[in-house]
Amino acid sequence: SIVVILGVISDPTALGIDPETLAMVFIVAWSLTAQSS
């Protein structure tokens, strides 16, 4: 899912998203998925 999302977004700054913020979103989402799936 993360590879696909990053492939679609490609350049987060073009969408107004800070890359570090997006990275943190993915880190927490991955951690939560590991405990909830």
ModelCIF file with pLDDT and N, C-alpha, C, O atoms, coordinates in Angstrom:
data_MODEL
#
_entry.id   MODEL 
#
_entity.id                         1 
_entity.type                       polymer 
_entity.pdbx_number_of_molecules   1 
#
_entity_poly.entity_id                      1 
_entity_poly.type                           'polypeptide(L)' 
_entity_poly.nstd_linkage                   no 
_entity_poly.nstd_monomer                   no 
_entity_poly.pdbx_seq_one_letter_code       SIVVILGVISDPTALGIDPETLAMVFIVAWSLTAQSS 
_entity_poly.pdbx_seq_one_letter_code_can   SIVVILGVISDPTALGIDPETLAMVFIVAWSLTAQSS 
_entity_poly.pdbx_strand_id                 A 
#
loop_
_entity_poly_seq.entity_id 
_entity_poly_seq.num 
_entity_poly_seq.mon_id 
_entity_poly_seq.hetero 
1 1  SER n 
1 2  ILE n 
1 3  VAL n 
1 4  VAL n 
1 5  ILE n 
1 6  LEU n 
1 7  GLY n 
1 8  VAL n 
1 9  ILE n 
1 10 SER n 
1 11 ASP n 
1 12 PRO n 
1 13 THR n 
1 14 ALA n 
1 15 LEU n 
1 16 GLY n 
1 17 ILE n 
1 18 ASP n 
1 19 PRO n 
1 20 GLU n 
1 21 THR n 
1 22 LEU n 
1 23 ALA n 
1 24 MET n 
1 25 VAL n 
1 26 PHE n 
1 27 ILE n 
1 28 VAL n 
1 29 ALA n 
1 30 TRP n 
1 31 SER n 
1 32 LEU n 
1 33 THR n 
1 34 ALA n 
1 35 GLN n 
1 36 SER n 
1 37 SER n 
#
_struct_asym.id          A 
_struct_asym.entity_id   1 
#
loop_
_ma_qa_metric.id 
_ma_qa_metric.mode 
_ma_qa_metric.name 
_ma_qa_metric.software_group_id 
_ma_qa_metric.type 
1 global pLDDT . pLDDT 
2 local  pLDDT . pLDDT 
#
_ma_qa_metric_global.metric_id      1 
_ma_qa_metric_global.metric_value   86.54 
_ma_qa_metric_global.model_id       1 
_ma_qa_metric_global.ordinal_id     1 
#
loop_
_ma_qa_metric_local.label_asym_id 
_ma_qa_metric_local.label_comp_id 
_ma_qa_metric_local.label_seq_id 
_ma_qa_metric_local.metric_id 
_ma_qa_metric_local.metric_value 
_ma_qa_metric_local.model_id 
_ma_qa_metric_local.ordinal_id 
A SER 1  2 87.00 1 1  
A ILE 2  2 87.00 1 2  
A VAL 3  2 83.00 1 3  
A VAL 4  2 85.00 1 4  
A ILE 5  2 88.00 1 5  
A LEU 6  2 85.00 1 6  
A GLY 7  2 83.00 1 7  
A VAL 8  2 83.00 1 8  
A ILE 9  2 84.00 1 9  
A SER 10 2 77.00 1 10 
A ASP 11 2 80.00 1 11 
A PRO 12 2 85.00 1 12 
A THR 13 2 85.00 1 13 
A ALA 14 2 81.00 1 14 
A LEU 15 2 82.00 1 15 
A GLY 16 2 84.00 1 16 
A ILE 17 2 86.00 1 17 
A ASP 18 2 86.00 1 18 
A PRO 19 2 87.00 1 19 
A GLU 20 2 87.00 1 20 
A THR 21 2 88.00 1 21 
A LEU 22 2 89.00 1 22 
A ALA 23 2 89.00 1 23 
A MET 24 2 89.00 1 24 
A VAL 25 2 91.00 1 25 
A PHE 26 2 92.00 1 26 
A ILE 27 2 91.00 1 27 
A VAL 28 2 91.00 1 28 
A ALA 29 2 92.00 1 29 
A TRP 30 2 90.00 1 30 
A SER 31 2 89.00 1 31 
A LEU 32 2 90.00 1 32 
A THR 33 2 90.00 1 33 
A ALA 34 2 86.00 1 34 
A GLN 35 2 85.00 1 35 
A SER 36 2 88.00 1 36 
A SER 37 2 87.00 1 37 
#
loop_
_atom_site.group_PDB 
_atom_site.id 
_atom_site.type_symbol 
_atom_site.label_atom_id 
_atom_site.label_alt_id 
_atom_site.label_comp_id 
_atom_site.label_asym_id 
_atom_site.label_entity_id 
_atom_site.label_seq_id 
_atom_site.pdbx_PDB_ins_code 
_atom_site.Cartn_x 
_atom_site.Cartn_y 
_atom_site.Cartn_z 
_atom_site.occupancy 
_atom_site.B_iso_or_equiv 
_atom_site.pdbx_formal_charge 
_atom_site.auth_seq_id 
_atom_site.auth_comp_id 
_atom_site.auth_asym_id 
_atom_site.auth_atom_id 
_atom_site.pdbx_PDB_model_num 
ATOM 1   N N  . SER A 1 1  ? 0.817  -1.214 0.000  1.00 87.00 ? 1  SER A N  1 
ATOM 2   C CA . SER A 1 1  ? 0.000  0.000  0.000  1.00 87.00 ? 1  SER A CA 1 
ATOM 3   C C  . SER A 1 1  ? 0.852  1.266  0.000  1.00 87.00 ? 1  SER A C  1 
ATOM 4   O O  . SER A 1 1  ? 0.535  2.223  -0.707 1.00 87.00 ? 1  SER A O  1 
ATOM 5   N N  . ILE A 1 2  ? 1.924  1.283  0.780  1.00 87.00 ? 2  ILE A N  1 
ATOM 6   C CA . ILE A 1 2  ? 2.759  2.484  0.839  1.00 87.00 ? 2  ILE A CA 1 
ATOM 7   C C  . ILE A 1 2  ? 3.509  2.687  -0.469 1.00 87.00 ? 2  ILE A C  1 
ATOM 8   O O  . ILE A 1 2  ? 3.629  3.818  -0.942 1.00 87.00 ? 2  ILE A O  1 
ATOM 9   N N  . VAL A 1 3  ? 4.014  1.612  -1.060 1.00 83.00 ? 3  VAL A N  1 
ATOM 10  C CA . VAL A 1 3  ? 4.691  1.735  -2.347 1.00 83.00 ? 3  VAL A CA 1 
ATOM 11  C C  . VAL A 1 3  ? 3.736  2.270  -3.410 1.00 83.00 ? 3  VAL A C  1 
ATOM 12  O O  . VAL A 1 3  ? 4.114  3.129  -4.208 1.00 83.00 ? 3  VAL A O  1 
ATOM 13  N N  . VAL A 1 4  ? 2.506  1.770  -3.426 1.00 85.00 ? 4  VAL A N  1 
ATOM 14  C CA . VAL A 1 4  ? 1.519  2.226  -4.410 1.00 85.00 ? 4  VAL A CA 1 
ATOM 15  C C  . VAL A 1 4  ? 1.160  3.692  -4.177 1.00 85.00 ? 4  VAL A C  1 
ATOM 16  O O  . VAL A 1 4  ? 1.112  4.476  -5.126 1.00 85.00 ? 4  VAL A O  1 
ATOM 17  N N  . ILE A 1 5  ? 0.909  4.067  -2.928 1.00 88.00 ? 5  ILE A N  1 
ATOM 18  C CA . ILE A 1 5  ? 0.543  5.456  -2.627 1.00 88.00 ? 5  ILE A CA 1 
ATOM 19  C C  . ILE A 1 5  ? 1.662  6.409  -3.005 1.00 88.00 ? 5  ILE A C  1 
ATOM 20  O O  . ILE A 1 5  ? 1.414  7.451  -3.610 1.00 88.00 ? 5  ILE A O  1 
ATOM 21  N N  . LEU A 1 6  ? 2.890  6.060  -2.653 1.00 85.00 ? 6  LEU A N  1 
ATOM 22  C CA . LEU A 1 6  ? 4.027  6.916  -2.997 1.00 85.00 ? 6  LEU A CA 1 
ATOM 23  C C  . LEU A 1 6  ? 4.220  6.991  -4.503 1.00 85.00 ? 6  LEU A C  1 
ATOM 24  O O  . LEU A 1 6  ? 4.606  8.029  -5.038 1.00 85.00 ? 6  LEU A O  1 
ATOM 25  N N  . GLY A 1 7  ? 3.946  5.877  -5.184 1.00 83.00 ? 7  GLY A N  1 
ATOM 26  C CA . GLY A 1 7  ? 4.052  5.886  -6.639 1.00 83.00 ? 7  GLY A CA 1 
ATOM 27  C C  . GLY A 1 7  ? 3.026  6.795  -7.278 1.00 83.00 ? 7  GLY A C  1 
ATOM 28  O O  . GLY A 1 7  ? 3.307  7.442  -8.287 1.00 83.00 ? 7  GLY A O  1 
ATOM 29  N N  . VAL A 1 8  ? 1.828  6.851  -6.695 1.00 83.00 ? 8  VAL A N  1 
ATOM 30  C CA . VAL A 1 8  ? 0.766  7.717  -7.217 1.00 83.00 ? 8  VAL A CA 1 
ATOM 31  C C  . VAL A 1 8  ? 1.050  9.182  -6.898 1.00 83.00 ? 8  VAL A C  1 
ATOM 32  O O  . VAL A 1 8  ? 0.914  10.053 -7.756 1.00 83.00 ? 8  VAL A O  1 
ATOM 33  N N  . ILE A 1 9  ? 1.447  9.440  -5.652 1.00 84.00 ? 9  ILE A N  1 
ATOM 34  C CA . ILE A 1 9  ? 1.710  10.827 -5.255 1.00 84.00 ? 9  ILE A CA 1 
ATOM 35  C C  . ILE A 1 9  ? 2.959  11.363 -5.949 1.00 84.00 ? 9  ILE A C  1 
ATOM 36  O O  . ILE A 1 9  ? 2.985  12.514 -6.384 1.00 84.00 ? 9  ILE A O  1 
ATOM 37  N N  . SER A 1 10 ? 3.974  10.547 -6.052 1.00 77.00 ? 10 SER A N  1 
ATOM 38  C CA . SER A 1 10 ? 5.254  10.854 -6.703 1.00 77.00 ? 10 SER A CA 1 
ATOM 39  C C  . SER A 1 10 ? 5.966  12.073 -6.093 1.00 77.00 ? 10 SER A C  1 
ATOM 40  O O  . SER A 1 10 ? 7.080  11.937 -5.586 1.00 77.00 ? 10 SER A O  1 
ATOM 41  N N  . ASP A 1 11 ? 5.356  13.236 -6.132 1.00 80.00 ? 11 ASP A N  1 
ATOM 42  C CA . ASP A 1 11 ? 5.973  14.453 -5.590 1.00 80.00 ? 11 ASP A CA 1 
ATOM 43  C C  . ASP A 1 11 ? 5.016  15.084 -4.582 1.00 80.00 ? 11 ASP A C  1 
ATOM 44  O O  . ASP A 1 11 ? 4.139  15.856 -4.969 1.00 80.00 ? 11 ASP A O  1 
ATOM 45  N N  . PRO A 1 12 ? 5.169  14.768 -3.294 1.00 85.00 ? 12 PRO A N  1 
ATOM 46  C CA . PRO A 1 12 ? 4.228  15.301 -2.293 1.00 85.00 ? 12 PRO A CA 1 
ATOM 47  C C  . PRO A 1 12 ? 4.263  16.816 -2.180 1.00 85.00 ? 12 PRO A C  1 
ATOM 48  O O  . PRO A 1 12 ? 3.249  17.432 -1.851 1.00 85.00 ? 12 PRO A O  1 
ATOM 49  N N  . THR A 1 13 ? 5.420  17.432 -2.449 1.00 85.00 ? 13 THR A N  1 
ATOM 50  C CA . THR A 1 13 ? 5.495  18.894 -2.341 1.00 85.00 ? 13 THR A CA 1 
ATOM 51  C C  . THR A 1 13 ? 4.584  19.582 -3.350 1.00 85.00 ? 13 THR A C  1 
ATOM 52  O O  . THR A 1 13 ? 4.092  20.681 -3.098 1.00 85.00 ? 13 THR A O  1 
ATOM 53  N N  . ALA A 1 14 ? 4.358  18.934 -4.500 1.00 81.00 ? 14 ALA A N  1 
ATOM 54  C CA . ALA A 1 14 ? 3.463  19.517 -5.506 1.00 81.00 ? 14 ALA A CA 1 
ATOM 55  C C  . ALA A 1 14 ? 2.024  19.557 -5.013 1.00 81.00 ? 14 ALA A C  1 
ATOM 56  O O  . ALA A 1 14 ? 1.211  20.335 -5.513 1.00 81.00 ? 14 ALA A O  1 
ATOM 57  N N  . LEU A 1 15 ? 1.713  18.714 -4.028 1.00 82.00 ? 15 LEU A N  1 
ATOM 58  C CA . LEU A 1 15 ? 0.367  18.683 -3.453 1.00 82.00 ? 15 LEU A CA 1 
ATOM 59  C C  . LEU A 1 15 ? 0.294  19.465 -2.149 1.00 82.00 ? 15 LEU A C  1 
ATOM 60  O O  . LEU A 1 15 ? -0.733 19.461 -1.469 1.00 82.00 ? 15 LEU A O  1 
ATOM 61  N N  . GLY A 1 16 ? 1.382  20.130 -1.807 1.00 84.00 ? 16 GLY A N  1 
ATOM 62  C CA . GLY A 1 16 ? 1.407  20.932 -0.590 1.00 84.00 ? 16 GLY A CA 1 
ATOM 63  C C  . GLY A 1 16 ? 1.695  20.151 0.667  1.00 84.00 ? 16 GLY A C  1 
ATOM 64  O O  . GLY A 1 16 ? 1.407  20.619 1.768  1.00 84.00 ? 16 GLY A O  1 
ATOM 65  N N  . ILE A 1 17 ? 2.267  18.954 0.521  1.00 86.00 ? 17 ILE A N  1 
ATOM 66  C CA . ILE A 1 17 ? 2.553  18.104 1.675  1.00 86.00 ? 17 ILE A CA 1 
ATOM 67  C C  . ILE A 1 17 ? 4.054  18.070 1.930  1.00 86.00 ? 17 ILE A C  1 
ATOM 68  O O  . ILE A 1 17 ? 4.842  17.820 1.019  1.00 86.00 ? 17 ILE A O  1 
ATOM 69  N N  . ASP A 1 18 ? 4.438  18.321 3.166  1.00 86.00 ? 18 ASP A N  1 
ATOM 70  C CA . ASP A 1 18 ? 5.842  18.233 3.533  1.00 86.00 ? 18 ASP A CA 1 
ATOM 71  C C  . ASP A 1 18 ? 6.266  16.763 3.524  1.00 86.00 ? 18 ASP A C  1 
ATOM 72  O O  . ASP A 1 18 ? 5.613  15.940 4.166  1.00 86.00 ? 18 ASP A O  1 
ATOM 73  N N  . PRO A 1 19 ? 7.348  16.410 2.809  1.00 87.00 ? 19 PRO A N  1 
ATOM 74  C CA . PRO A 1 19 ? 7.772  14.998 2.744  1.00 87.00 ? 19 PRO A CA 1 
ATOM 75  C C  . PRO A 1 19 ? 8.013  14.371 4.110  1.00 87.00 ? 19 PRO A C  1 
ATOM 76  O O  . PRO A 1 19 ? 7.709  13.196 4.310  1.00 87.00 ? 19 PRO A O  1 
ATOM 77  N N  . GLU A 1 20 ? 8.556  15.140 5.053  1.00 87.00 ? 20 GLU A N  1 
ATOM 78  C CA . GLU A 1 20 ? 8.805  14.596 6.389  1.00 87.00 ? 20 GLU A CA 1 
ATOM 79  C C  . GLU A 1 20 ? 7.494  14.282 7.104  1.00 87.00 ? 20 GLU A C  1 
ATOM 80  O O  . GLU A 1 20 ? 7.389  13.283 7.816  1.00 87.00 ? 20 GLU A O  1 
ATOM 81  N N  . THR A 1 21 ? 6.502  15.140 6.909  1.00 88.00 ? 21 THR A N  1 
ATOM 82  C CA . THR A 1 21 ? 5.188  14.887 7.511  1.00 88.00 ? 21 THR A CA 1 
ATOM 83  C C  . THR A 1 21 ? 4.569  13.622 6.934  1.00 88.00 ? 21 THR A C  1 
ATOM 84  O O  . THR A 1 21 ? 4.017  12.799 7.665  1.00 88.00 ? 21 THR A O  1 
ATOM 85  N N  . LEU A 1 22 ? 4.667  13.475 5.615  1.00 89.00 ? 22 LEU A N  1 
ATOM 86  C CA . LEU A 1 22 ? 4.112  12.284 4.973  1.00 89.00 ? 22 LEU A CA 1 
ATOM 87  C C  . LEU A 1 22 ? 4.849  11.028 5.433  1.00 89.00 ? 22 LEU A C  1 
ATOM 88  O O  . LEU A 1 22 ? 4.236  9.980  5.637  1.00 89.00 ? 22 LEU A O  1 
ATOM 89  N N  . ALA A 1 23 ? 6.162  11.142 5.595  1.00 89.00 ? 23 ALA A N  1 
ATOM 90  C CA . ALA A 1 23 ? 6.943  10.001 6.086  1.00 89.00 ? 23 ALA A CA 1 
ATOM 91  C C  . ALA A 1 23 ? 6.484  9.595  7.482  1.00 89.00 ? 23 ALA A C  1 
ATOM 92  O O  . ALA A 1 23 ? 6.379  8.405  7.782  1.00 89.00 ? 23 ALA A O  1 
ATOM 93  N N  . MET A 1 24 ? 6.210  10.581 8.338  1.00 89.00 ? 24 MET A N  1 
ATOM 94  C CA . MET A 1 24 ? 5.734  10.270 9.687  1.00 89.00 ? 24 MET A CA 1 
ATOM 95  C C  . MET A 1 24 ? 4.363  9.615  9.653  1.00 89.00 ? 24 MET A C  1 
ATOM 96  O O  . MET A 1 24 ? 4.084  8.707  10.435 1.00 89.00 ? 24 MET A O  1 
ATOM 97  N N  . VAL A 1 25 ? 3.504  10.077 8.744  1.00 91.00 ? 25 VAL A N  1 
ATOM 98  C CA . VAL A 1 25 ? 2.184  9.460  8.591  1.00 91.00 ? 25 VAL A CA 1 
ATOM 99  C C  . VAL A 1 25 ? 2.331  7.984  8.243  1.00 91.00 ? 25 VAL A C  1 
ATOM 100 O O  . VAL A 1 25 ? 1.649  7.137  8.819  1.00 91.00 ? 25 VAL A O  1 
ATOM 101 N N  . PHE A 1 26 ? 3.215  7.676  7.306  1.00 92.00 ? 26 PHE A N  1 
ATOM 102 C CA . PHE A 1 26 ? 3.417  6.287  6.895  1.00 92.00 ? 26 PHE A CA 1 
ATOM 103 C C  . PHE A 1 26 ? 4.042  5.447  8.005  1.00 92.00 ? 26 PHE A C  1 
ATOM 104 O O  . PHE A 1 26 ? 3.683  4.282  8.179  1.00 92.00 ? 26 PHE A O  1 
ATOM 105 N N  . ILE A 1 27 ? 4.968  6.025  8.748  1.00 91.00 ? 27 ILE A N  1 
ATOM 106 C CA . ILE A 1 27 ? 5.612  5.280  9.839  1.00 91.00 ? 27 ILE A CA 1 
ATOM 107 C C  . ILE A 1 27 ? 4.586  4.875  10.892 1.00 91.00 ? 27 ILE A C  1 
ATOM 108 O O  . ILE A 1 27 ? 4.546  3.722  11.320 1.00 91.00 ? 27 ILE A O  1 
ATOM 109 N N  . VAL A 1 28 ? 3.759  5.831  11.306 1.00 91.00 ? 28 VAL A N  1 
ATOM 110 C CA . VAL A 1 28 ? 2.742  5.528  12.328 1.00 91.00 ? 28 VAL A CA 1 
ATOM 111 C C  . VAL A 1 28 ? 1.702  4.563  11.772 1.00 91.00 ? 28 VAL A C  1 
ATOM 112 O O  . VAL A 1 28 ? 1.270  3.643  12.466 1.00 91.00 ? 28 VAL A O  1 
ATOM 113 N N  . ALA A 1 29 ? 1.296  4.776  10.506 1.00 92.00 ? 29 ALA A N  1 
ATOM 114 C CA . ALA A 1 29 ? 0.300  3.884  9.905  1.00 92.00 ? 29 ALA A CA 1 
ATOM 115 C C  . ALA A 1 29 ? 0.835  2.465  9.817  1.00 92.00 ? 29 ALA A C  1 
ATOM 116 O O  . ALA A 1 29 ? 0.110  1.512  10.098 1.00 92.00 ? 29 ALA A O  1 
ATOM 117 N N  . TRP A 1 30 ? 2.086  2.315  9.432  1.00 90.00 ? 30 TRP A N  1 
ATOM 118 C CA . TRP A 1 30 ? 2.699  0.985  9.341  1.00 90.00 ? 30 TRP A CA 1 
ATOM 119 C C  . TRP A 1 30 ? 2.761  0.347  10.726 1.00 90.00 ? 30 TRP A C  1 
ATOM 120 O O  . TRP A 1 30 ? 2.436  -0.829 10.885 1.00 90.00 ? 30 TRP A O  1 
ATOM 121 N N  . SER A 1 31 ? 3.174  1.117  11.718 1.00 89.00 ? 31 SER A N  1 
ATOM 122 C CA . SER A 1 31 ? 3.258  0.586  13.087 1.00 89.00 ? 31 SER A CA 1 
ATOM 123 C C  . SER A 1 31 ? 1.894  0.147  13.591 1.00 89.00 ? 31 SER A C  1 
ATOM 124 O O  . SER A 1 31 ? 1.759  -0.905 14.216 1.00 89.00 ? 31 SER A O  1 
ATOM 125 N N  . LEU A 1 32 ? 0.876  0.970  13.311 1.00 90.00 ? 32 LEU A N  1 
ATOM 126 C CA . LEU A 1 32 ? -0.464 0.625  13.757 1.00 90.00 ? 32 LEU A CA 1 
ATOM 127 C C  . LEU A 1 32 ? -1.000 -0.596 13.017 1.00 90.00 ? 32 LEU A C  1 
ATOM 128 O O  . LEU A 1 32 ? -1.682 -1.434 13.606 1.00 90.00 ? 32 LEU A O  1 
ATOM 129 N N  . THR A 1 33 ? -0.691 -0.695 11.726 1.00 90.00 ? 33 THR A N  1 
ATOM 130 C CA . THR A 1 33 ? -1.130 -1.858 10.946 1.00 90.00 ? 33 THR A CA 1 
ATOM 131 C C  . THR A 1 33 ? -0.513 -3.142 11.481 1.00 90.00 ? 33 THR A C  1 
ATOM 132 O O  . THR A 1 33 ? -1.163 -4.187 11.510 1.00 90.00 ? 33 THR A O  1 
ATOM 133 N N  . ALA A 1 34 ? 0.730  -3.060 11.898 1.00 86.00 ? 34 ALA A N  1 
ATOM 134 C CA . ALA A 1 34 ? 1.403  -4.244 12.441 1.00 86.00 ? 34 ALA A CA 1 
ATOM 135 C C  . ALA A 1 34 ? 0.701  -4.773 13.682 1.00 86.00 ? 34 ALA A C  1 
ATOM 136 O O  . ALA A 1 34 ? 0.774  -5.964 13.985 1.00 86.00 ? 34 ALA A O  1 
ATOM 137 N N  . GLN A 1 35 ? 0.008  -3.868 14.411 1.00 85.00 ? 35 GLN A N  1 
ATOM 138 C CA . GLN A 1 35 ? -0.671 -4.274 15.634 1.00 85.00 ? 35 GLN A CA 1 
ATOM 139 C C  . GLN A 1 35 ? -2.165 -4.541 15.431 1.00 85.00 ? 35 GLN A C  1 
ATOM 140 O O  . GLN A 1 35 ? -2.812 -5.131 16.296 1.00 85.00 ? 35 GLN A O  1 
ATOM 141 N N  . SER A 1 36 ? -2.715 -4.108 14.292 1.00 88.00 ? 36 SER A N  1 
ATOM 142 C CA . SER A 1 36 ? -4.160 -4.215 14.103 1.00 88.00 ? 36 SER A CA 1 
ATOM 143 C C  . SER A 1 36 ? -4.574 -5.166 12.985 1.00 88.00 ? 36 SER A C  1 
ATOM 144 O O  . SER A 1 36 ? -5.767 -5.362 12.754 1.00 88.00 ? 36 SER A O  1 
ATOM 145 N N  . SER A 1 37 ? -3.611 -5.757 12.293 1.00 87.00 ? 37 SER A N  1 
ATOM 146 C CA . SER A 1 37 ? -3.939 -6.678 11.205 1.00 87.00 ? 37 SER A CA 1 
ATOM 147 C C  . SER A 1 37 ? -3.457 -8.088 11.538 1.00 87.00 ? 37 SER A C  1 
ATOM 148 O O  . SER A 1 37 ? -3.641 -9.008 10.741 1.00 87.00 ? 37 SER A O  1 
#
